[in-house]
Amino acid sequence: MMAAKIAGLMFGVACVAGSAPPADPPKTMAPLEQYLMPKAEEIALARSAAPSAISDNAEIRVLTRNGYEVAAKGTNGFVCLVERGWTAGFSDKVFWNPRIRGPICFNPEAVASVLPAHIERTTWVLAGVSREEMERRTPGSAANTPPAAGAMSYMLSRQQYLSDDGGHHWHPHLMFWVPRTPSSDWGANLPGSPVAGGGTEIGPVTTFFVPVGKWSDGSPADMEH
């Protein structure tokens, strides 16, 4: 089942199963410099999350020492950025992995109701809050806000790096954020179903993943793994 391919379902980073990782990821935060990118490269990577018809007109945010900052203003209500490993579940091994890069474009509904939790998590990280303390704070945080109707995001970047385990880019996929609901209501995680997902570890949110056949640049994706 496709659900077996996904080890982490927290925010935007979906960790995939595969071959042995090249090195054990850190159990605590690495030096901040390892998570940062040159601004121009991060802008390009963020835009690669969705087709250019969407991302060319989206607001682009890049990670800095002070958090995510607007690098390009948008006109269509979408926000694209590159997530790091700390948007995974607290127990996920990618949490502090400085190699993780998850380009994602949120639609306007997700910008209003899902993105605030991602920004909050990053703010905590940059303030030096421990993973254990973040987990303690989360039930009373922005992550406890139900997603707005229609909240979704694009993760179609061929350059995404979601895990050290073999197929690090998994598939190009869409993410749908809904108030907590049984996976069976979407026919998710069943043999032959193209939908995977389930509830996050906290909060009134269920996230569904739907793989698609092309990357944002229009090239075909390998759907066999």
N, C-alpha and C. Protein backbone atom coordinates (compact mmCIF):
# COMPACT_ATOMS: atom_id res chain seq x y z
N MET A 1 0.84 -1.20 0.00
CA MET A 1 0.00 0.00 0.00
C MET A 1 0.87 1.25 0.00
N MET A 2 0.33 2.28 -0.60
CA MET A 2 1.07 3.53 -0.65
C MET A 2 1.37 4.08 0.73
N ALA A 3 0.48 3.83 1.69
CA ALA A 3 0.70 4.36 3.04
C ALA A 3 1.99 3.86 3.64
N ALA A 4 2.43 2.67 3.22
CA ALA A 4 3.67 2.13 3.74
C ALA A 4 4.87 2.92 3.26
N LYS A 5 4.71 3.71 2.21
CA LYS A 5 5.79 4.53 1.69
C LYS A 5 6.00 5.78 2.52
N ILE A 6 5.03 6.12 3.37
CA ILE A 6 5.08 7.39 4.08
C ILE A 6 5.32 7.12 5.55
N ALA A 7 6.43 7.60 6.08
CA ALA A 7 6.75 7.38 7.48
C ALA A 7 6.37 8.56 8.34
N GLY A 8 6.33 9.76 7.79
CA GLY A 8 5.99 10.93 8.58
C GLY A 8 4.87 11.72 7.95
N LEU A 9 3.86 12.11 8.74
CA LEU A 9 2.69 12.79 8.20
C LEU A 9 2.40 14.08 8.94
N MET A 10 3.42 14.76 9.46
CA MET A 10 3.12 15.93 10.28
C MET A 10 2.64 17.09 9.44
N PHE A 11 3.52 17.89 8.92
CA PHE A 11 3.09 19.06 8.16
C PHE A 11 3.30 18.80 6.67
N GLY A 12 4.43 19.21 6.12
CA GLY A 12 4.61 19.09 4.68
C GLY A 12 5.60 18.05 4.27
N VAL A 13 6.46 17.59 5.17
CA VAL A 13 7.51 16.66 4.78
C VAL A 13 6.99 15.24 4.90
N ALA A 14 6.99 14.51 3.78
CA ALA A 14 6.62 13.10 3.79
C ALA A 14 7.89 12.28 3.66
N CYS A 15 8.21 11.51 4.67
CA CYS A 15 9.45 10.73 4.67
C CYS A 15 9.17 9.38 4.03
N VAL A 16 10.01 8.97 3.08
CA VAL A 16 9.75 7.74 2.33
C VAL A 16 10.72 6.64 2.72
N ALA A 17 10.28 5.41 2.56
CA ALA A 17 11.11 4.26 2.89
C ALA A 17 11.95 3.86 1.69
N GLY A 18 13.12 3.25 1.95
CA GLY A 18 13.98 2.83 0.86
C GLY A 18 15.22 2.15 1.37
N SER A 19 16.36 2.38 0.73
CA SER A 19 17.60 1.73 1.12
C SER A 19 18.21 2.41 2.33
N ALA A 20 19.28 1.84 2.84
CA ALA A 20 19.91 2.35 4.06
C ALA A 20 20.43 3.77 3.84
N PRO A 21 20.26 4.66 4.84
CA PRO A 21 20.72 6.03 4.70
C PRO A 21 22.24 6.09 4.70
N PRO A 22 22.82 7.14 4.08
CA PRO A 22 24.28 7.25 4.03
C PRO A 22 24.90 7.57 5.38
N ALA A 23 24.15 8.17 6.28
CA ALA A 23 24.67 8.51 7.59
C ALA A 23 23.50 8.75 8.52
N ASP A 24 23.74 8.51 9.81
CA ASP A 24 22.67 8.75 10.77
C ASP A 24 22.41 10.25 10.89
N PRO A 25 21.14 10.66 10.80
CA PRO A 25 20.83 12.08 10.96
C PRO A 25 21.05 12.51 12.41
N PRO A 26 21.31 13.78 12.64
CA PRO A 26 21.56 14.25 14.01
C PRO A 26 20.32 14.12 14.88
N LYS A 27 20.55 13.88 16.17
CA LYS A 27 19.46 13.76 17.12
C LYS A 27 19.12 15.11 17.77
N THR A 28 19.97 16.09 17.54
CA THR A 28 19.71 17.46 17.97
C THR A 28 19.98 18.39 16.80
N MET A 29 19.61 19.63 16.92
CA MET A 29 19.76 20.56 15.81
C MET A 29 21.23 20.73 15.42
N ALA A 30 21.50 20.66 14.13
CA ALA A 30 22.83 20.94 13.60
C ALA A 30 23.04 22.46 13.58
N PRO A 31 24.27 22.92 13.35
CA PRO A 31 24.46 24.38 13.22
C PRO A 31 23.52 24.98 12.19
N LEU A 32 22.96 26.13 12.48
CA LEU A 32 21.94 26.75 11.63
C LEU A 32 22.41 26.90 10.19
N GLU A 33 23.69 27.18 9.99
CA GLU A 33 24.20 27.38 8.64
C GLU A 33 23.90 26.20 7.74
N GLN A 34 23.83 25.00 8.30
CA GLN A 34 23.59 23.81 7.48
C GLN A 34 22.16 23.76 6.94
N TYR A 35 21.26 24.50 7.54
CA TYR A 35 19.87 24.51 7.09
C TYR A 35 19.58 25.65 6.11
N LEU A 36 20.47 26.61 6.03
CA LEU A 36 20.25 27.77 5.19
C LEU A 36 20.72 27.52 3.77
N MET A 37 20.20 28.31 2.81
CA MET A 37 20.57 28.20 1.41
C MET A 37 20.84 29.59 0.85
N PRO A 38 21.62 29.69 -0.23
CA PRO A 38 21.73 30.97 -0.93
C PRO A 38 20.34 31.42 -1.37
N LYS A 39 20.06 32.69 -1.23
CA LYS A 39 18.71 33.20 -1.46
C LYS A 39 18.19 32.86 -2.85
N ALA A 40 18.98 33.09 -3.88
CA ALA A 40 18.51 32.84 -5.26
C ALA A 40 18.18 31.37 -5.46
N GLU A 41 19.00 30.48 -4.89
CA GLU A 41 18.74 29.05 -5.02
C GLU A 41 17.46 28.65 -4.31
N GLU A 42 17.23 29.25 -3.14
CA GLU A 42 16.03 28.89 -2.40
C GLU A 42 14.77 29.41 -3.09
N ILE A 43 14.85 30.58 -3.69
CA ILE A 43 13.71 31.10 -4.43
C ILE A 43 13.37 30.17 -5.58
N ALA A 44 14.38 29.74 -6.33
CA ALA A 44 14.14 28.84 -7.46
C ALA A 44 13.58 27.51 -6.99
N LEU A 45 14.11 27.00 -5.89
CA LEU A 45 13.63 25.71 -5.37
C LEU A 45 12.18 25.83 -4.90
N ALA A 46 11.86 26.92 -4.23
CA ALA A 46 10.49 27.13 -3.77
C ALA A 46 9.53 27.19 -4.95
N ARG A 47 9.90 27.89 -6.01
CA ARG A 47 9.02 28.00 -7.18
C ARG A 47 8.83 26.65 -7.86
N SER A 48 9.78 25.74 -7.71
CA SER A 48 9.66 24.44 -8.39
C SER A 48 8.62 23.54 -7.74
N ALA A 49 8.00 23.98 -6.65
CA ALA A 49 7.00 23.15 -5.98
C ALA A 49 5.72 23.02 -6.79
N ALA A 50 5.45 23.98 -7.66
CA ALA A 50 4.20 23.98 -8.43
C ALA A 50 4.48 24.39 -9.87
N PRO A 51 3.57 24.12 -10.78
CA PRO A 51 3.75 24.59 -12.16
C PRO A 51 3.97 26.10 -12.19
N SER A 52 4.72 26.56 -13.16
CA SER A 52 5.08 27.98 -13.22
C SER A 52 3.85 28.88 -13.31
N ALA A 53 2.75 28.38 -13.88
CA ALA A 53 1.54 29.19 -13.97
C ALA A 53 1.03 29.57 -12.59
N ILE A 54 1.40 28.78 -11.59
CA ILE A 54 1.03 29.08 -10.20
C ILE A 54 2.18 29.77 -9.48
N SER A 55 3.36 29.16 -9.51
CA SER A 55 4.46 29.66 -8.67
C SER A 55 5.05 30.98 -9.15
N ASP A 56 4.94 31.29 -10.45
CA ASP A 56 5.47 32.56 -10.94
C ASP A 56 4.72 33.75 -10.35
N ASN A 57 3.47 33.52 -9.93
CA ASN A 57 2.66 34.60 -9.37
C ASN A 57 2.43 34.45 -7.87
N ALA A 58 3.16 33.53 -7.25
CA ALA A 58 3.01 33.28 -5.83
C ALA A 58 3.98 34.13 -5.01
N GLU A 59 3.64 34.33 -3.76
CA GLU A 59 4.59 34.93 -2.82
C GLU A 59 5.63 33.87 -2.48
N ILE A 60 6.90 34.27 -2.46
CA ILE A 60 7.99 33.36 -2.15
C ILE A 60 8.63 33.78 -0.84
N ARG A 61 8.79 32.81 0.06
CA ARG A 61 9.46 33.07 1.32
C ARG A 61 10.71 32.20 1.43
N VAL A 62 11.76 32.75 2.00
CA VAL A 62 13.00 32.00 2.18
C VAL A 62 13.38 32.00 3.66
N LEU A 63 14.05 30.95 4.07
CA LEU A 63 14.46 30.82 5.46
C LEU A 63 15.71 31.66 5.72
N THR A 64 15.66 32.47 6.76
CA THR A 64 16.80 33.27 7.20
C THR A 64 17.02 33.00 8.69
N ARG A 65 18.01 33.63 9.23
CA ARG A 65 18.27 33.50 10.67
C ARG A 65 17.11 34.03 11.51
N ASN A 66 16.28 34.86 10.90
CA ASN A 66 15.16 35.46 11.62
C ASN A 66 13.83 34.79 11.29
N GLY A 67 13.87 33.70 10.54
CA GLY A 67 12.64 33.01 10.16
C GLY A 67 12.39 33.14 8.67
N TYR A 68 11.20 32.76 8.24
CA TYR A 68 10.85 32.87 6.82
C TYR A 68 10.52 34.32 6.49
N GLU A 69 11.20 34.86 5.50
CA GLU A 69 10.99 36.24 5.08
C GLU A 69 10.54 36.27 3.62
N VAL A 70 9.73 37.25 3.29
CA VAL A 70 9.23 37.39 1.92
C VAL A 70 10.35 37.83 0.99
N ALA A 71 10.63 36.99 -0.01
CA ALA A 71 11.68 37.30 -0.98
C ALA A 71 11.08 37.82 -2.29
N ALA A 72 9.82 37.51 -2.55
CA ALA A 72 9.13 37.98 -3.75
C ALA A 72 7.64 38.05 -3.44
N LYS A 73 7.04 39.17 -3.75
CA LYS A 73 5.61 39.33 -3.50
C LYS A 73 4.80 38.59 -4.57
N GLY A 74 3.61 38.15 -4.20
CA GLY A 74 2.77 37.42 -5.13
C GLY A 74 1.46 38.14 -5.40
N THR A 75 0.73 37.61 -6.38
CA THR A 75 -0.54 38.22 -6.75
C THR A 75 -1.71 37.24 -6.76
N ASN A 76 -1.44 35.93 -6.55
CA ASN A 76 -2.51 34.95 -6.68
C ASN A 76 -2.92 34.32 -5.35
N GLY A 77 -2.35 34.76 -4.25
CA GLY A 77 -2.74 34.24 -2.94
C GLY A 77 -1.98 33.01 -2.50
N PHE A 78 -1.19 32.40 -3.39
CA PHE A 78 -0.37 31.25 -3.02
C PHE A 78 0.91 31.71 -2.32
N VAL A 79 1.44 30.85 -1.47
CA VAL A 79 2.74 31.08 -0.85
C VAL A 79 3.58 29.83 -1.05
N CYS A 80 4.78 30.00 -1.61
CA CYS A 80 5.71 28.89 -1.83
C CYS A 80 6.94 29.09 -0.96
N LEU A 81 7.42 28.01 -0.37
CA LEU A 81 8.65 28.05 0.43
C LEU A 81 9.26 26.67 0.44
N VAL A 82 10.40 26.55 1.09
CA VAL A 82 11.09 25.26 1.20
C VAL A 82 11.11 24.86 2.67
N GLU A 83 10.42 23.79 2.99
CA GLU A 83 10.37 23.34 4.37
C GLU A 83 11.61 22.54 4.72
N ARG A 84 11.94 22.56 6.01
CA ARG A 84 13.05 21.76 6.54
C ARG A 84 12.49 20.59 7.35
N GLY A 85 13.38 19.73 7.82
CA GLY A 85 12.96 18.49 8.46
C GLY A 85 12.10 18.66 9.70
N TRP A 86 12.20 19.81 10.36
CA TRP A 86 11.45 19.98 11.60
C TRP A 86 9.94 20.14 11.38
N THR A 87 9.48 20.11 10.14
CA THR A 87 8.04 20.07 9.92
C THR A 87 7.53 18.63 9.86
N ALA A 88 8.40 17.67 10.10
CA ALA A 88 7.96 16.27 10.21
C ALA A 88 7.46 16.01 11.62
N GLY A 89 7.01 14.78 11.87
CA GLY A 89 6.58 14.41 13.21
C GLY A 89 7.73 14.44 14.19
N PHE A 90 7.44 14.65 15.45
CA PHE A 90 8.49 14.79 16.46
C PHE A 90 9.37 13.56 16.58
N SER A 91 8.82 12.39 16.31
CA SER A 91 9.60 11.16 16.42
C SER A 91 10.27 10.76 15.11
N ASP A 92 10.06 11.53 14.06
CA ASP A 92 10.61 11.17 12.75
C ASP A 92 12.11 11.43 12.71
N LYS A 93 12.84 10.51 12.09
CA LYS A 93 14.30 10.62 12.08
C LYS A 93 14.80 11.77 11.22
N VAL A 94 13.94 12.34 10.36
CA VAL A 94 14.39 13.47 9.53
C VAL A 94 14.28 14.80 10.26
N PHE A 95 13.75 14.80 11.47
CA PHE A 95 13.40 16.06 12.15
C PHE A 95 14.55 17.07 12.14
N TRP A 96 15.75 16.65 12.51
CA TRP A 96 16.89 17.57 12.56
C TRP A 96 17.84 17.39 11.38
N ASN A 97 17.46 16.62 10.38
CA ASN A 97 18.34 16.35 9.24
C ASN A 97 18.51 17.63 8.42
N PRO A 98 19.70 18.21 8.36
CA PRO A 98 19.89 19.47 7.63
C PRO A 98 19.84 19.33 6.12
N ARG A 99 19.79 18.09 5.60
CA ARG A 99 19.71 17.89 4.15
C ARG A 99 18.29 17.97 3.62
N ILE A 100 17.29 17.91 4.49
CA ILE A 100 15.90 17.88 4.05
C ILE A 100 15.50 19.21 3.41
N ARG A 101 14.90 19.11 2.22
CA ARG A 101 14.37 20.29 1.52
C ARG A 101 13.03 19.89 0.91
N GLY A 102 11.97 20.49 1.39
CA GLY A 102 10.63 20.16 0.92
C GLY A 102 9.94 21.35 0.28
N PRO A 103 10.16 21.62 -1.00
CA PRO A 103 9.47 22.73 -1.66
C PRO A 103 7.97 22.50 -1.65
N ILE A 104 7.21 23.51 -1.26
CA ILE A 104 5.77 23.37 -1.14
C ILE A 104 5.10 24.70 -1.46
N CYS A 105 3.97 24.64 -2.15
CA CYS A 105 3.17 25.83 -2.45
C CYS A 105 1.80 25.66 -1.83
N PHE A 106 1.44 26.53 -0.91
CA PHE A 106 0.14 26.51 -0.25
C PHE A 106 -0.86 27.37 -1.02
N ASN A 107 -2.08 26.86 -1.18
CA ASN A 107 -3.11 27.70 -1.79
C ASN A 107 -3.64 28.70 -0.76
N PRO A 108 -4.47 29.67 -1.15
CA PRO A 108 -4.88 30.72 -0.21
C PRO A 108 -5.53 30.18 1.06
N GLU A 109 -6.34 29.12 0.94
CA GLU A 109 -6.99 28.57 2.13
C GLU A 109 -5.98 27.95 3.09
N ALA A 110 -4.95 27.29 2.53
CA ALA A 110 -3.90 26.72 3.37
C ALA A 110 -3.00 27.81 3.95
N VAL A 111 -2.79 28.87 3.20
CA VAL A 111 -2.00 29.99 3.71
C VAL A 111 -2.64 30.53 4.99
N ALA A 112 -3.97 30.63 4.98
CA ALA A 112 -4.68 31.21 6.11
C ALA A 112 -4.76 30.26 7.31
N SER A 113 -4.84 28.95 7.07
CA SER A 113 -5.16 28.04 8.16
C SER A 113 -4.14 26.96 8.45
N VAL A 114 -3.19 26.72 7.54
CA VAL A 114 -2.18 25.67 7.73
C VAL A 114 -0.79 26.26 7.90
N LEU A 115 -0.45 27.21 7.06
CA LEU A 115 0.88 27.80 7.09
C LEU A 115 1.26 28.38 8.46
N PRO A 116 0.35 29.01 9.21
CA PRO A 116 0.75 29.57 10.51
C PRO A 116 1.42 28.56 11.44
N ALA A 117 0.99 27.31 11.41
CA ALA A 117 1.61 26.30 12.26
C ALA A 117 3.03 26.00 11.81
N HIS A 118 3.28 26.02 10.50
CA HIS A 118 4.63 25.79 9.98
C HIS A 118 5.55 26.94 10.39
N ILE A 119 5.05 28.15 10.29
CA ILE A 119 5.85 29.31 10.67
C ILE A 119 6.14 29.29 12.16
N GLU A 120 5.14 28.93 12.95
CA GLU A 120 5.32 28.86 14.40
C GLU A 120 6.39 27.84 14.76
N ARG A 121 6.34 26.66 14.13
CA ARG A 121 7.34 25.63 14.41
C ARG A 121 8.74 26.14 14.10
N THR A 122 8.89 26.82 12.98
CA THR A 122 10.20 27.36 12.60
C THR A 122 10.66 28.43 13.59
N THR A 123 9.74 29.26 14.05
CA THR A 123 10.08 30.28 15.04
C THR A 123 10.62 29.63 16.30
N TRP A 124 10.00 28.56 16.73
CA TRP A 124 10.49 27.86 17.92
C TRP A 124 11.90 27.32 17.68
N VAL A 125 12.11 26.70 16.53
CA VAL A 125 13.42 26.13 16.22
C VAL A 125 14.50 27.20 16.28
N LEU A 126 14.25 28.33 15.65
CA LEU A 126 15.26 29.38 15.59
C LEU A 126 15.47 30.04 16.95
N ALA A 127 14.51 29.88 17.84
CA ALA A 127 14.66 30.40 19.21
C ALA A 127 15.38 29.40 20.11
N GLY A 128 15.72 28.24 19.58
CA GLY A 128 16.45 27.26 20.36
C GLY A 128 15.60 26.37 21.23
N VAL A 129 14.29 26.31 20.95
CA VAL A 129 13.39 25.46 21.72
C VAL A 129 13.68 23.99 21.41
N SER A 130 13.76 23.16 22.43
CA SER A 130 14.05 21.74 22.22
C SER A 130 12.87 21.03 21.56
N ARG A 131 13.16 19.89 20.96
CA ARG A 131 12.10 19.10 20.34
C ARG A 131 11.06 18.69 21.39
N GLU A 132 11.53 18.33 22.58
CA GLU A 132 10.62 17.92 23.64
C GLU A 132 9.71 19.06 24.07
N GLU A 133 10.27 20.27 24.16
CA GLU A 133 9.47 21.43 24.55
C GLU A 133 8.49 21.80 23.44
N MET A 134 8.91 21.68 22.18
CA MET A 134 7.99 21.96 21.07
C MET A 134 6.80 21.00 21.11
N GLU A 135 7.08 19.75 21.39
CA GLU A 135 6.00 18.77 21.47
C GLU A 135 5.04 19.13 22.60
N ARG A 136 5.59 19.60 23.71
CA ARG A 136 4.73 19.97 24.84
C ARG A 136 3.86 21.17 24.50
N ARG A 137 4.41 22.14 23.75
CA ARG A 137 3.68 23.36 23.42
C ARG A 137 2.61 23.15 22.34
N THR A 138 2.81 22.17 21.49
CA THR A 138 2.02 22.06 20.27
C THR A 138 0.51 21.94 20.48
N PRO A 139 0.01 21.17 21.46
CA PRO A 139 -1.45 21.07 21.58
C PRO A 139 -2.17 22.40 21.78
N GLY A 140 -1.50 23.40 22.33
CA GLY A 140 -2.12 24.70 22.51
C GLY A 140 -1.66 25.74 21.51
N SER A 141 -1.11 25.27 20.38
CA SER A 141 -0.49 26.17 19.42
C SER A 141 -1.34 26.33 18.18
N ALA A 142 -0.77 27.00 17.17
CA ALA A 142 -1.46 27.19 15.89
C ALA A 142 -1.77 25.87 15.21
N ALA A 143 -1.01 24.81 15.54
CA ALA A 143 -1.25 23.51 14.93
C ALA A 143 -2.58 22.91 15.35
N ASN A 144 -3.20 23.47 16.37
CA ASN A 144 -4.48 22.96 16.84
C ASN A 144 -5.66 23.63 16.14
N THR A 145 -5.39 24.42 15.10
CA THR A 145 -6.44 25.10 14.33
C THR A 145 -6.90 24.21 13.18
N PRO A 146 -8.19 23.96 13.05
CA PRO A 146 -8.67 23.14 11.92
C PRO A 146 -8.36 23.83 10.59
N PRO A 147 -8.00 23.08 9.57
CA PRO A 147 -7.74 23.69 8.26
C PRO A 147 -9.03 24.21 7.63
N ALA A 148 -8.91 25.27 6.85
CA ALA A 148 -10.07 25.82 6.16
C ALA A 148 -10.52 24.89 5.04
N ALA A 149 -11.78 24.99 4.69
CA ALA A 149 -12.30 24.20 3.59
C ALA A 149 -11.53 24.53 2.31
N GLY A 150 -11.09 23.49 1.62
CA GLY A 150 -10.35 23.69 0.37
C GLY A 150 -8.86 23.85 0.54
N ALA A 151 -8.33 23.73 1.75
CA ALA A 151 -6.89 23.90 1.96
C ALA A 151 -6.12 22.77 1.29
N MET A 152 -5.15 23.13 0.46
CA MET A 152 -4.32 22.13 -0.21
C MET A 152 -2.97 22.74 -0.54
N SER A 153 -2.06 21.89 -0.98
CA SER A 153 -0.74 22.39 -1.38
C SER A 153 -0.16 21.49 -2.46
N TYR A 154 0.80 22.06 -3.19
CA TYR A 154 1.53 21.35 -4.24
C TYR A 154 2.92 20.99 -3.74
N MET A 155 3.35 19.75 -3.98
CA MET A 155 4.73 19.34 -3.77
C MET A 155 5.17 18.57 -5.02
N LEU A 156 5.47 19.31 -6.07
CA LEU A 156 5.76 18.72 -7.37
C LEU A 156 7.21 18.95 -7.81
N SER A 157 8.08 19.29 -6.87
CA SER A 157 9.45 19.61 -7.25
C SER A 157 10.29 18.37 -7.50
N ARG A 158 10.90 18.33 -8.65
CA ARG A 158 11.82 17.23 -8.95
C ARG A 158 13.06 17.29 -8.05
N GLN A 159 13.31 18.43 -7.48
CA GLN A 159 14.49 18.62 -6.62
C GLN A 159 14.20 18.40 -5.14
N GLN A 160 12.97 17.99 -4.80
CA GLN A 160 12.67 17.80 -3.38
C GLN A 160 13.57 16.72 -2.78
N TYR A 161 13.98 16.92 -1.54
CA TYR A 161 14.81 15.94 -0.83
C TYR A 161 14.13 15.69 0.51
N LEU A 162 13.39 14.58 0.60
CA LEU A 162 12.53 14.34 1.75
C LEU A 162 13.06 13.27 2.69
N SER A 163 14.11 12.59 2.31
CA SER A 163 14.65 11.52 3.15
C SER A 163 16.02 11.11 2.61
N ASP A 164 16.87 10.58 3.50
CA ASP A 164 18.14 10.00 3.08
C ASP A 164 17.95 8.58 2.55
N ASP A 165 16.75 8.05 2.68
CA ASP A 165 16.51 6.64 2.39
C ASP A 165 16.20 6.40 0.92
N GLY A 166 17.21 6.20 0.13
CA GLY A 166 17.00 5.79 -1.26
C GLY A 166 16.25 6.81 -2.08
N GLY A 167 14.97 6.53 -2.38
CA GLY A 167 14.16 7.40 -3.23
C GLY A 167 13.78 8.67 -2.51
N HIS A 168 14.74 9.56 -2.36
CA HIS A 168 14.57 10.73 -1.49
C HIS A 168 13.52 11.70 -1.97
N HIS A 169 13.13 11.60 -3.24
CA HIS A 169 12.15 12.57 -3.72
C HIS A 169 10.73 12.02 -3.74
N TRP A 170 10.54 10.73 -3.41
CA TRP A 170 9.23 10.09 -3.46
C TRP A 170 8.56 10.42 -4.78
N HIS A 171 7.28 10.87 -4.79
CA HIS A 171 6.55 11.20 -6.01
C HIS A 171 6.13 12.67 -5.97
N PRO A 172 5.90 13.29 -7.13
CA PRO A 172 5.21 14.58 -7.11
C PRO A 172 3.80 14.33 -6.57
N HIS A 173 3.34 15.20 -5.69
CA HIS A 173 2.05 14.91 -5.07
C HIS A 173 1.34 16.18 -4.63
N LEU A 174 0.05 16.04 -4.47
CA LEU A 174 -0.79 17.07 -3.90
C LEU A 174 -1.12 16.69 -2.47
N MET A 175 -1.25 17.70 -1.62
CA MET A 175 -1.63 17.45 -0.23
C MET A 175 -2.94 18.18 0.05
N PHE A 176 -3.85 17.48 0.68
CA PHE A 176 -5.14 18.06 1.04
C PHE A 176 -5.27 18.05 2.56
N TRP A 177 -5.52 19.21 3.13
CA TRP A 177 -5.62 19.37 4.58
C TRP A 177 -7.10 19.50 4.94
N VAL A 178 -7.60 18.61 5.76
CA VAL A 178 -9.02 18.63 6.12
C VAL A 178 -9.16 18.46 7.63
N PRO A 179 -10.28 18.93 8.20
CA PRO A 179 -10.54 18.64 9.61
C PRO A 179 -10.51 17.12 9.82
N ARG A 180 -10.08 16.71 10.99
CA ARG A 180 -9.86 15.28 11.24
C ARG A 180 -11.05 14.45 10.78
N THR A 181 -10.75 13.46 9.96
CA THR A 181 -11.78 12.62 9.37
C THR A 181 -11.21 11.22 9.15
N PRO A 182 -12.01 10.18 9.18
CA PRO A 182 -11.49 8.83 8.94
C PRO A 182 -10.89 8.70 7.54
N SER A 183 -9.77 8.01 7.44
CA SER A 183 -9.15 7.79 6.14
C SER A 183 -10.09 7.08 5.19
N SER A 184 -10.97 6.27 5.74
CA SER A 184 -11.90 5.51 4.91
C SER A 184 -12.86 6.42 4.15
N ASP A 185 -13.09 7.64 4.66
CA ASP A 185 -13.98 8.56 3.96
C ASP A 185 -13.40 8.98 2.62
N TRP A 186 -12.09 8.87 2.47
CA TRP A 186 -11.42 9.20 1.21
C TRP A 186 -10.97 7.94 0.47
N GLY A 187 -11.26 6.78 1.03
CA GLY A 187 -10.77 5.55 0.42
C GLY A 187 -9.25 5.46 0.48
N ALA A 188 -8.66 6.11 1.47
CA ALA A 188 -7.19 6.18 1.56
C ALA A 188 -6.61 4.91 2.15
N ASN A 189 -5.36 4.62 1.76
CA ASN A 189 -4.56 3.53 2.33
C ASN A 189 -5.12 2.15 2.01
N LEU A 190 -5.95 2.06 0.98
CA LEU A 190 -6.49 0.77 0.57
C LEU A 190 -5.75 0.25 -0.66
N PRO A 191 -5.68 -1.06 -0.86
CA PRO A 191 -4.99 -1.59 -2.04
C PRO A 191 -5.54 -0.99 -3.32
N GLY A 192 -4.64 -0.47 -4.15
CA GLY A 192 -5.03 0.12 -5.42
C GLY A 192 -5.48 1.55 -5.34
N SER A 193 -5.67 2.09 -4.14
CA SER A 193 -6.10 3.49 -4.01
C SER A 193 -4.93 4.43 -4.25
N PRO A 194 -5.13 5.52 -4.99
CA PRO A 194 -4.06 6.49 -5.19
C PRO A 194 -3.92 7.45 -4.03
N VAL A 195 -4.76 7.32 -3.00
CA VAL A 195 -4.76 8.26 -1.88
C VAL A 195 -4.15 7.61 -0.65
N ALA A 196 -3.24 8.35 0.00
CA ALA A 196 -2.64 7.89 1.25
C ALA A 196 -2.76 9.00 2.28
N GLY A 197 -2.62 8.66 3.53
CA GLY A 197 -2.62 9.69 4.54
C GLY A 197 -3.36 9.29 5.79
N GLY A 198 -3.54 10.26 6.66
CA GLY A 198 -4.21 10.02 7.93
C GLY A 198 -4.04 11.20 8.84
N GLY A 199 -4.43 11.05 10.09
CA GLY A 199 -4.35 12.13 11.06
C GLY A 199 -2.91 12.43 11.46
N THR A 200 -2.64 13.70 11.75
CA THR A 200 -1.34 14.07 12.27
C THR A 200 -1.25 13.67 13.73
N GLU A 201 -0.05 13.74 14.28
CA GLU A 201 0.13 13.28 15.66
C GLU A 201 -0.57 14.18 16.67
N ILE A 202 -0.87 15.41 16.29
CA ILE A 202 -1.62 16.31 17.15
C ILE A 202 -2.57 17.12 16.29
N GLY A 203 -3.51 17.77 16.95
CA GLY A 203 -4.35 18.71 16.24
C GLY A 203 -5.49 18.07 15.48
N PRO A 204 -6.49 18.86 15.14
CA PRO A 204 -7.69 18.37 14.45
C PRO A 204 -7.51 18.32 12.94
N VAL A 205 -6.43 17.69 12.48
CA VAL A 205 -6.07 17.74 11.07
C VAL A 205 -5.85 16.33 10.52
N THR A 206 -6.37 16.07 9.33
CA THR A 206 -6.02 14.88 8.57
C THR A 206 -5.42 15.35 7.26
N THR A 207 -4.30 14.75 6.88
CA THR A 207 -3.61 15.13 5.65
C THR A 207 -3.66 13.96 4.67
N PHE A 208 -4.13 14.24 3.45
CA PHE A 208 -4.18 13.21 2.42
C PHE A 208 -3.20 13.56 1.30
N PHE A 209 -2.49 12.55 0.83
CA PHE A 209 -1.50 12.69 -0.24
C PHE A 209 -2.02 12.01 -1.50
N VAL A 210 -1.95 12.71 -2.62
CA VAL A 210 -2.37 12.14 -3.90
C VAL A 210 -1.22 12.30 -4.90
N PRO A 211 -0.47 11.25 -5.20
CA PRO A 211 0.60 11.34 -6.19
C PRO A 211 0.05 11.66 -7.58
N VAL A 212 0.84 12.39 -8.35
CA VAL A 212 0.47 12.71 -9.73
C VAL A 212 1.59 12.27 -10.65
N GLY A 213 1.33 12.28 -11.94
CA GLY A 213 2.25 11.66 -12.89
C GLY A 213 3.35 12.55 -13.45
N LYS A 214 3.35 13.84 -13.12
CA LYS A 214 4.36 14.74 -13.67
C LYS A 214 4.92 15.66 -12.60
N TRP A 215 6.19 15.99 -12.77
CA TRP A 215 6.82 17.00 -11.93
C TRP A 215 6.37 18.39 -12.41
N SER A 216 6.69 19.40 -11.65
CA SER A 216 6.24 20.75 -12.00
C SER A 216 6.78 21.24 -13.32
N ASP A 217 7.92 20.69 -13.77
CA ASP A 217 8.48 21.10 -15.05
C ASP A 217 7.86 20.35 -16.23
N GLY A 218 6.88 19.49 -15.94
CA GLY A 218 6.20 18.76 -16.99
C GLY A 218 6.80 17.41 -17.33
N SER A 219 7.94 17.08 -16.75
CA SER A 219 8.57 15.79 -17.04
C SER A 219 7.84 14.68 -16.30
N PRO A 220 7.80 13.46 -16.91
CA PRO A 220 7.07 12.36 -16.29
C PRO A 220 7.77 11.86 -15.04
N ALA A 221 6.96 11.39 -14.09
CA ALA A 221 7.51 10.87 -12.85
C ALA A 221 7.46 9.35 -12.84
N ASP A 222 8.42 8.73 -12.16
CA ASP A 222 8.42 7.29 -11.97
C ASP A 222 7.43 6.97 -10.87
N MET A 223 6.35 6.27 -11.19
CA MET A 223 5.31 5.96 -10.22
C MET A 223 5.41 4.54 -9.70
N GLU A 224 6.55 3.88 -9.93
CA GLU A 224 6.65 2.46 -9.60
C GLU A 224 7.16 2.19 -8.19
N HIS A 225 7.72 3.21 -7.49
CA HIS A 225 8.26 2.94 -6.15
C HIS A 225 7.54 3.76 -5.13
